[in-house]
Amino acid sequence: MKKLFLVSILLLLSGCSITQNVNPARTDRPVDTIYVEYNRDVQMSEIHGVIADEIRRQGFEASIYRGERPEEAVHYFTFTANWGWDLAVYLSYFHGQLFENGEPVGLVEYDARRGGGMEKFGPTEEKVRPLIRELLQNLSRE
């Protein structure tokens, strides 16, 4: 009976983690401006500014666009984000891609849909900023 209890606890704990995946952007082309696509389906509209601010903190220009992508948008970032509820609202999923002329050059993902314990709580900025920072770390500036 003790073994069954311990195995049950281990299974529960193993499924309660946050996963983060970053494939840093790679391109031979210098980057000046990164355009952030406005996603109207995202519940927290402030996240667009969080992303743009972090891009600027990394030394690039950032511009948020709505609708059709501007012609001059060589580098652009698209994303989706979802929030969950468990005593408080928290970021449960974030997926973003950086593109160069329509081709993906980098990817970020944050996934707390399988639990995450108390780590899942906290400001969304604290979850997203490090992902953007790591995504852009290898890019050269114009």
Protein backbone atom coordinates (compact mmCIF):
# COMPACT_ATOMS: atom_id res chain seq x y z
CA MET A 1 0.00 0.00 0.00
CA LYS A 2 2.87 2.37 0.81
CA LYS A 3 4.42 1.72 -2.61
CA LEU A 4 1.16 2.54 -4.37
CA PHE A 5 0.90 5.78 -2.39
CA LEU A 6 4.49 6.79 -3.22
CA VAL A 7 4.06 5.99 -6.90
CA SER A 8 0.85 8.04 -6.99
CA ILE A 9 2.58 11.03 -5.40
CA LEU A 10 5.52 10.79 -7.82
CA LEU A 11 3.19 10.65 -10.81
CA LEU A 12 1.29 13.68 -9.60
CA LEU A 13 4.45 15.67 -8.99
CA SER A 14 6.03 14.74 -12.31
CA GLY A 15 3.05 16.11 -14.22
CA CYS A 16 3.13 19.45 -12.39
CA SER A 17 5.90 21.30 -14.12
CA ILE A 18 6.31 24.34 -16.28
CA THR A 19 8.16 23.81 -19.53
CA GLN A 20 10.03 26.52 -21.39
CA ASN A 21 11.52 26.12 -24.81
CA VAL A 22 13.55 28.72 -26.67
CA ASN A 23 15.16 28.29 -30.06
CA PRO A 24 17.22 31.49 -30.28
CA ALA A 25 16.79 33.38 -33.54
CA ARG A 26 19.49 32.83 -36.11
CA THR A 27 19.99 35.01 -39.16
CA ASP A 28 22.94 36.42 -41.08
CA ARG A 29 21.08 39.66 -41.67
CA PRO A 30 21.40 42.56 -39.20
CA VAL A 31 18.16 43.51 -37.48
CA ASP A 32 16.88 47.04 -37.00
CA THR A 33 13.16 46.90 -36.25
CA ILE A 34 11.08 43.98 -35.06
CA TYR A 35 7.38 44.38 -35.76
CA VAL A 36 5.02 42.81 -33.23
CA GLU A 37 1.71 41.60 -34.61
CA TYR A 38 -1.21 42.74 -32.46
CA ASN A 39 -3.20 39.65 -31.49
CA ARG A 40 -6.75 40.73 -30.69
CA ASP A 41 -7.56 37.25 -29.36
CA VAL A 42 -5.20 37.68 -26.42
CA GLN A 43 -7.08 38.55 -23.22
CA MET A 44 -4.39 40.77 -21.72
CA SER A 45 -3.76 43.51 -24.27
CA GLU A 46 -0.84 44.88 -22.19
CA ILE A 47 1.28 41.91 -23.25
CA HIS A 48 1.90 43.58 -26.62
CA GLY A 49 3.66 46.44 -24.85
CA VAL A 50 5.61 44.02 -22.64
CA ILE A 51 6.95 42.25 -25.72
CA ALA A 52 7.78 45.50 -27.54
CA ASP A 53 9.47 46.96 -24.44
CA GLU A 54 11.68 43.88 -24.04
CA ILE A 55 12.66 44.02 -27.71
CA ARG A 56 13.71 47.66 -27.16
CA ARG A 57 15.60 46.72 -23.99
CA GLN A 58 17.63 44.33 -26.15
CA GLY A 59 18.68 47.19 -28.43
CA PHE A 60 16.24 46.85 -31.32
CA GLU A 61 13.44 49.11 -32.50
CA ALA A 62 9.95 47.70 -31.99
CA SER A 63 6.65 48.56 -33.59
CA ILE A 64 3.24 47.02 -32.91
CA TYR A 65 1.03 46.69 -35.98
CA ARG A 66 -2.63 45.75 -36.42
CA GLY A 67 -4.08 44.11 -39.47
CA GLU A 68 -1.87 43.59 -42.48
CA ARG A 69 1.86 43.44 -41.86
CA PRO A 70 3.70 46.56 -43.10
CA GLU A 71 5.73 46.10 -46.27
CA GLU A 72 8.91 47.16 -44.50
CA ALA A 73 8.46 44.47 -41.80
CA VAL A 74 11.38 42.22 -42.66
CA HIS A 75 11.51 40.91 -39.07
CA TYR A 76 8.25 40.34 -37.23
CA PHE A 77 7.04 38.51 -34.15
CA THR A 78 3.72 36.70 -33.83
CA PHE A 79 2.39 35.09 -30.68
CA THR A 80 -0.50 33.61 -28.80
CA ALA A 81 -1.06 33.61 -25.05
CA ASN A 82 -3.60 32.03 -22.76
CA TRP A 83 -4.37 32.51 -19.10
CA GLY A 84 -5.76 30.09 -16.56
CA TRP A 85 -7.44 30.35 -13.20
CA ASP A 86 -6.30 28.58 -10.03
CA LEU A 87 -6.94 30.85 -7.05
CA ALA A 88 -5.69 33.67 -9.29
CA VAL A 89 -5.24 34.36 -12.98
CA TYR A 90 -1.87 33.20 -14.35
CA LEU A 91 -0.16 32.84 -17.73
CA SER A 92 -0.79 29.23 -18.70
CA TYR A 93 0.62 29.23 -22.25
CA PHE A 94 2.70 31.51 -24.46
CA HIS A 95 4.00 30.68 -27.92
CA GLY A 96 5.82 33.13 -30.16
CA GLN A 97 7.80 33.05 -33.37
CA LEU A 98 10.20 35.50 -34.95
CA PHE A 99 10.14 35.61 -38.73
CA GLU A 100 12.46 37.04 -41.36
CA ASN A 101 10.77 37.64 -44.72
CA GLY A 102 8.11 35.04 -43.93
CA GLU A 103 10.52 32.34 -42.75
CA PRO A 104 10.65 31.37 -39.06
CA VAL A 105 14.04 32.10 -37.51
CA GLY A 106 13.30 31.67 -33.79
CA LEU A 107 10.73 30.30 -31.38
CA VAL A 108 9.71 30.68 -27.72
CA GLU A 109 7.25 28.66 -25.69
CA TYR A 110 6.11 28.75 -22.06
CA ASP A 111 3.69 26.04 -20.93
CA ALA A 112 2.16 25.85 -17.46
CA ARG A 113 -0.98 23.98 -18.55
CA ARG A 114 0.05 20.83 -16.68
CA GLY A 115 0.32 22.50 -13.31
CA GLY A 116 3.47 24.23 -12.20
CA GLY A 117 2.69 24.61 -8.52
CA MET A 118 3.25 28.06 -7.10
CA GLU A 119 5.80 28.89 -9.82
CA LYS A 120 2.99 29.56 -12.30
CA PHE A 121 1.83 32.60 -10.33
CA GLY A 122 3.43 36.01 -10.68
CA PRO A 123 3.50 38.82 -13.18
CA THR A 124 3.25 37.83 -16.83
CA GLU A 125 6.21 40.13 -17.58
CA GLU A 126 8.46 37.93 -15.44
CA LYS A 127 7.54 34.93 -17.57
CA VAL A 128 7.75 36.57 -21.01
CA ARG A 129 10.75 38.93 -20.74
CA PRO A 130 13.40 36.19 -20.23
CA LEU A 131 12.01 34.27 -23.21
CA ILE A 132 12.27 37.30 -25.51
CA ARG A 133 15.74 38.10 -24.18
CA GLU A 134 16.97 34.57 -24.96
CA LEU A 135 15.24 34.57 -28.36
CA LEU A 136 17.13 37.72 -29.46
CA GLN A 137 20.51 37.01 -27.86
CA ASN A 138 22.31 35.99 -31.08
CA LEU A 139 21.01 38.73 -33.36
CA SER A 140 23.21 41.53 -34.60
CA ARG A 141 21.91 45.07 -34.71
CA GLU A 142 21.96 47.29 -37.78
